[in-house]
Amino acid sequence: MDAITADTHLARLAGAIAEPARARMLCCLLDGHARTATELAAVAEVAASTASAHLARLREQRLVESVAQGKHRYFRLASPEVGAALEGLLVVAGAPRGEFKPTAPSRLRAARTCYDHMAGMAGVALHDRLHAQGWLHRKAEDGDYELTPDGAVALESLGIDVDGARGSRRRFACACLDWSERRPHLGGALGAAWLQLSLRRGWVRQELDGRALTLTPKAQREMPELFESN
């Protein structure tokens, strides 16, 4: 990218950020939680149709991306670099930003099943810790996840049939956007295998009359690097 092209692109980015409604949307998304167009319209104090036009502009400039989850479509910042740039601008602006306030019932928000894998704060924490441990990484070509060699050895040693999960007809491992936390938890065959392992090992208990899961003291004692409380 030459200097003229860079300058032109920078001006376009600045123009996309400079509109107050779009700036409010971007600041709202800085906390890492995805939101629907309806929620962002409320944040920006604009009509739904206007919000759609603003989000299209932000997507065009690669400031946000959208992800479909069930019947909903959520928006989030397109990359950590976008977040870092916005954080720097906020430092210059000297303005605080609000916090994400989930509305899910506390029992379901803490830990629950999402189809056949773990969701809620526990599921999101597991997703993040698998990445932090260096066991899981995102494949650039399709956005799915793959285990690192260390991750495959570690999970196999715990009792997960990694080859069996890879051989299933579904996606091996992927980000599943959590509806209460608005951040990804681990989905796919690997996520399902992890939940079954956690149930077998007594790390979580599943309620008989609902989706809620309870993390046990055994989980925090045996696997603190994956289950310890934040």
Protein backbone atom coordinates (compact mmCIF):
# COMPACT_ATOMS: atom_id res chain seq x y z
CA MET A 1 0.00 0.00 0.00
CA ASP A 2 1.64 3.29 -1.10
CA ALA A 3 1.44 6.56 0.83
CA ILE A 4 -1.42 8.03 -1.21
CA THR A 5 -3.52 4.89 -0.88
CA ALA A 6 -2.76 4.69 2.84
CA ASP A 7 -3.76 8.32 3.35
CA THR A 8 -6.99 7.84 1.42
CA HIS A 9 -7.87 4.70 3.36
CA LEU A 10 -7.08 6.40 6.66
CA ALA A 11 -9.42 9.25 5.75
CA ARG A 12 -12.20 6.78 4.95
CA LEU A 13 -11.69 5.01 8.27
CA ALA A 14 -11.72 8.31 10.12
CA GLY A 15 -14.92 9.29 8.33
CA ALA A 16 -16.58 6.02 9.34
CA ILE A 17 -15.60 6.51 12.98
CA ALA A 18 -16.36 10.24 13.09
CA GLU A 19 -20.16 9.98 12.79
CA PRO A 20 -21.54 10.11 16.39
CA ALA A 21 -23.93 7.16 16.07
CA ARG A 22 -21.25 4.93 14.58
CA ALA A 23 -18.76 6.06 17.22
CA ARG A 24 -21.21 5.06 19.96
CA MET A 25 -21.65 1.64 18.37
CA LEU A 26 -17.89 1.08 18.18
CA CYS A 27 -17.33 2.19 21.75
CA CYS A 28 -20.09 -0.13 22.90
CA LEU A 29 -18.38 -3.07 21.18
CA LEU A 30 -15.02 -2.34 22.78
CA ASP A 31 -15.86 -4.51 25.79
CA GLY A 32 -15.53 -7.61 23.60
CA HIS A 33 -19.21 -8.56 23.73
CA ALA A 34 -21.17 -8.92 20.49
CA ARG A 35 -24.53 -7.22 20.08
CA THR A 36 -27.48 -7.31 17.71
CA ALA A 37 -28.35 -4.49 15.32
CA THR A 38 -31.38 -3.74 17.50
CA GLU A 39 -29.20 -3.33 20.59
CA LEU A 40 -26.73 -1.16 18.73
CA ALA A 41 -29.55 0.97 17.37
CA ALA A 42 -30.65 1.63 20.95
CA VAL A 43 -27.08 2.48 21.98
CA ALA A 44 -26.71 4.85 19.03
CA GLU A 45 -30.20 6.29 19.56
CA VAL A 46 -31.19 5.79 15.92
CA ALA A 47 -33.90 3.89 14.08
CA ALA A 48 -33.32 0.28 13.06
CA SER A 49 -33.06 1.16 9.37
CA THR A 50 -30.50 3.87 10.13
CA ALA A 51 -28.53 1.47 12.32
CA SER A 52 -28.39 -1.03 9.44
CA ALA A 53 -26.92 1.62 7.15
CA HIS A 54 -24.35 2.59 9.78
CA LEU A 55 -23.35 -1.04 10.35
CA ALA A 56 -23.00 -1.58 6.60
CA ARG A 57 -20.58 1.37 6.49
CA LEU A 58 -18.58 -0.03 9.41
CA ARG A 59 -18.45 -3.46 7.78
CA GLU A 60 -17.34 -1.92 4.50
CA GLN A 61 -14.39 -0.32 6.28
CA ARG A 62 -13.65 -3.59 8.10
CA LEU A 63 -14.23 -2.07 11.51
CA VAL A 64 -16.92 -4.58 12.49
CA GLU A 65 -17.91 -8.07 11.41
CA SER A 66 -21.15 -9.98 11.78
CA VAL A 67 -21.75 -13.55 12.91
CA ALA A 68 -24.98 -15.54 12.68
CA GLN A 69 -25.97 -17.57 15.74
CA GLY A 70 -29.30 -19.37 15.50
CA LYS A 71 -31.94 -16.91 14.33
CA HIS A 72 -29.92 -13.88 15.42
CA ARG A 73 -27.09 -11.94 13.82
CA TYR A 74 -24.54 -10.30 16.07
CA PHE A 75 -21.93 -7.64 15.44
CA ARG A 76 -18.47 -7.35 16.99
CA LEU A 77 -15.22 -5.53 16.30
CA ALA A 78 -13.45 -6.99 13.29
CA SER A 79 -10.06 -7.50 14.93
CA PRO A 80 -7.96 -6.76 18.02
CA GLU A 81 -6.20 -4.09 15.98
CA VAL A 82 -9.47 -2.20 15.58
CA GLY A 83 -9.97 -2.36 19.34
CA ALA A 84 -6.45 -1.11 20.02
CA ALA A 85 -6.92 1.82 17.64
CA LEU A 86 -10.23 2.77 19.26
CA GLU A 87 -8.73 2.48 22.75
CA GLY A 88 -5.98 4.88 21.70
CA LEU A 89 -8.51 7.37 20.39
CA LEU A 90 -10.47 7.12 23.64
CA VAL A 91 -7.33 7.95 25.61
CA VAL A 92 -6.96 11.09 23.51
CA ALA A 93 -10.66 11.87 23.91
CA GLY A 94 -10.49 11.28 27.67
CA ALA A 95 -13.99 9.81 27.85
CA PRO A 96 -15.03 6.70 29.84
CA ARG A 97 -17.16 3.97 28.29
CA GLY A 98 -19.96 1.88 29.77
CA GLU A 99 -19.85 -1.76 30.85
CA PHE A 100 -21.70 -4.75 29.42
CA LYS A 101 -24.70 -5.71 31.58
CA PRO A 102 -26.02 -9.22 30.86
CA THR A 103 -29.70 -9.97 31.45
CA ALA A 104 -29.57 -13.79 31.60
CA PRO A 105 -30.64 -15.55 34.84
CA SER A 106 -27.60 -16.03 37.07
CA ARG A 107 -27.83 -19.85 37.13
CA LEU A 108 -27.86 -20.10 33.34
CA ARG A 109 -25.26 -17.40 32.94
CA ALA A 110 -22.77 -19.22 35.20
CA ALA A 111 -22.74 -22.53 33.29
CA ARG A 112 -25.19 -24.37 31.05
CA THR A 113 -25.39 -26.60 28.03
CA CYS A 114 -25.63 -25.19 24.51
CA TYR A 115 -26.92 -28.13 22.48
CA ASP A 116 -24.21 -30.65 23.43
CA HIS A 117 -21.38 -28.42 24.65
CA MET A 118 -20.63 -26.10 27.58
CA ALA A 119 -21.77 -22.48 27.58
CA GLY A 120 -22.13 -19.55 29.95
CA MET A 121 -19.27 -17.94 31.86
CA ALA A 122 -17.67 -21.36 32.39
CA GLY A 123 -17.78 -22.15 28.67
CA VAL A 124 -16.36 -18.78 27.69
CA ALA A 125 -13.62 -19.10 30.33
CA LEU A 126 -12.73 -22.58 29.02
CA HIS A 127 -12.54 -21.24 25.45
CA ASP A 128 -10.24 -18.41 26.52
CA ARG A 129 -8.02 -20.64 28.68
CA LEU A 130 -7.54 -23.24 25.95
CA HIS A 131 -6.21 -20.42 23.80
CA ALA A 132 -4.11 -18.97 26.65
CA GLN A 133 -2.60 -22.42 27.34
CA GLY A 134 -1.53 -22.55 23.70
CA TRP A 135 -3.68 -25.64 23.11
CA LEU A 136 -6.09 -24.16 20.59
CA HIS A 137 -5.67 -21.73 17.72
CA ARG A 138 -7.82 -20.31 14.95
CA LYS A 139 -7.30 -21.58 11.41
CA ALA A 140 -6.87 -18.56 9.16
CA GLU A 141 -8.51 -20.16 6.14
CA ASP A 142 -11.98 -20.79 7.55
CA GLY A 143 -12.19 -19.37 11.06
CA ASP A 144 -12.55 -22.82 12.69
CA TYR A 145 -10.20 -23.96 15.44
CA GLU A 146 -7.49 -26.58 15.49
CA LEU A 147 -5.57 -28.12 18.37
CA THR A 148 -1.87 -27.48 18.61
CA PRO A 149 0.32 -30.58 19.05
CA ASP A 150 0.61 -29.77 22.77
CA GLY A 151 -3.15 -29.31 22.99
CA ALA A 152 -3.86 -32.66 21.33
CA VAL A 153 -1.50 -34.46 23.71
CA ALA A 154 -2.96 -32.66 26.75
CA LEU A 155 -6.60 -33.38 25.90
CA GLU A 156 -5.88 -36.98 24.94
CA SER A 157 -4.11 -37.47 28.27
CA LEU A 158 -7.29 -36.26 30.01
CA GLY A 159 -9.41 -38.80 28.17
CA ILE A 160 -10.72 -37.04 25.05
CA ASP A 161 -10.73 -39.07 21.83
CA VAL A 162 -9.29 -36.35 19.61
CA ASP A 163 -9.11 -38.53 16.50
CA GLY A 164 -12.72 -39.60 17.03
CA ALA A 165 -13.82 -35.97 17.28
CA ARG A 166 -11.90 -35.15 14.11
CA GLY A 167 -13.52 -38.08 12.31
CA SER A 168 -17.09 -36.99 13.03
CA ARG A 169 -19.18 -35.46 10.25
CA ARG A 170 -19.55 -32.16 12.07
CA ARG A 171 -17.09 -29.30 12.50
CA PHE A 172 -14.19 -30.34 14.71
CA ALA A 173 -13.87 -27.18 16.80
CA CYS A 174 -15.32 -23.72 16.33
CA ALA A 175 -16.39 -20.55 18.08
CA CYS A 176 -20.03 -20.61 19.17
CA LEU A 177 -21.22 -17.17 20.20
CA ASP A 178 -22.58 -17.28 23.75
CA TRP A 179 -26.01 -15.62 24.00
CA SER A 180 -25.55 -14.46 27.60
CA GLU A 181 -21.88 -13.43 27.50
CA ARG A 182 -21.84 -12.32 23.84
CA ARG A 183 -18.37 -13.83 23.53
CA PRO A 184 -17.43 -17.21 22.03
CA HIS A 185 -17.38 -20.54 23.81
CA LEU A 186 -16.06 -23.79 22.33
CA GLY A 187 -18.45 -25.59 19.97
CA GLY A 188 -18.18 -28.46 17.53
CA ALA A 189 -17.21 -32.08 18.15
CA LEU A 190 -14.38 -31.07 20.47
CA GLY A 191 -16.71 -28.94 22.59
CA ALA A 192 -19.14 -31.86 22.86
CA ALA A 193 -16.33 -34.23 23.80
CA TRP A 194 -15.16 -31.82 26.50
CA LEU A 195 -18.62 -31.63 28.07
CA GLN A 196 -18.93 -35.43 28.13
CA LEU A 197 -15.47 -35.72 29.69
CA SER A 198 -16.38 -33.12 32.32
CA LEU A 199 -19.54 -35.03 33.21
CA ARG A 200 -17.69 -38.36 33.41
CA ARG A 201 -14.92 -36.95 35.56
CA GLY A 202 -17.37 -35.24 37.89
CA TRP A 203 -16.11 -31.76 37.06
CA VAL A 204 -19.64 -30.57 36.31
CA ARG A 205 -23.12 -31.79 37.25
CA GLN A 206 -26.10 -31.35 34.96
CA GLU A 207 -29.50 -30.53 36.40
CA LEU A 208 -32.18 -33.08 35.55
CA ASP A 209 -34.87 -30.50 34.77
CA GLY A 210 -32.96 -27.89 32.81
CA ARG A 211 -29.82 -26.80 31.00
CA ALA A 212 -27.94 -25.42 33.98
CA LEU A 213 -24.58 -26.95 34.90
CA THR A 214 -22.85 -26.79 38.27
CA LEU A 215 -19.05 -26.69 38.50
CA THR A 216 -17.85 -28.92 41.31
CA PRO A 217 -14.99 -28.39 43.79
CA LYS A 218 -13.33 -31.37 42.07
CA ALA A 219 -13.02 -29.36 38.86
CA GLN A 220 -11.22 -26.50 40.57
CA ARG A 221 -9.05 -28.95 42.50
CA GLU A 222 -8.02 -31.20 39.59
CA MET A 223 -7.99 -28.71 36.69
CA PRO A 224 -7.44 -25.23 38.16
CA GLU A 225 -5.82 -23.98 34.95
CA LEU A 226 -9.12 -24.53 33.12
CA PHE A 227 -11.77 -24.23 35.80
CA GLU A 228 -10.52 -21.83 38.46
CA SER A 229 -12.79 -18.86 39.12
CA ASN A 230 -11.95 -15.50 37.57
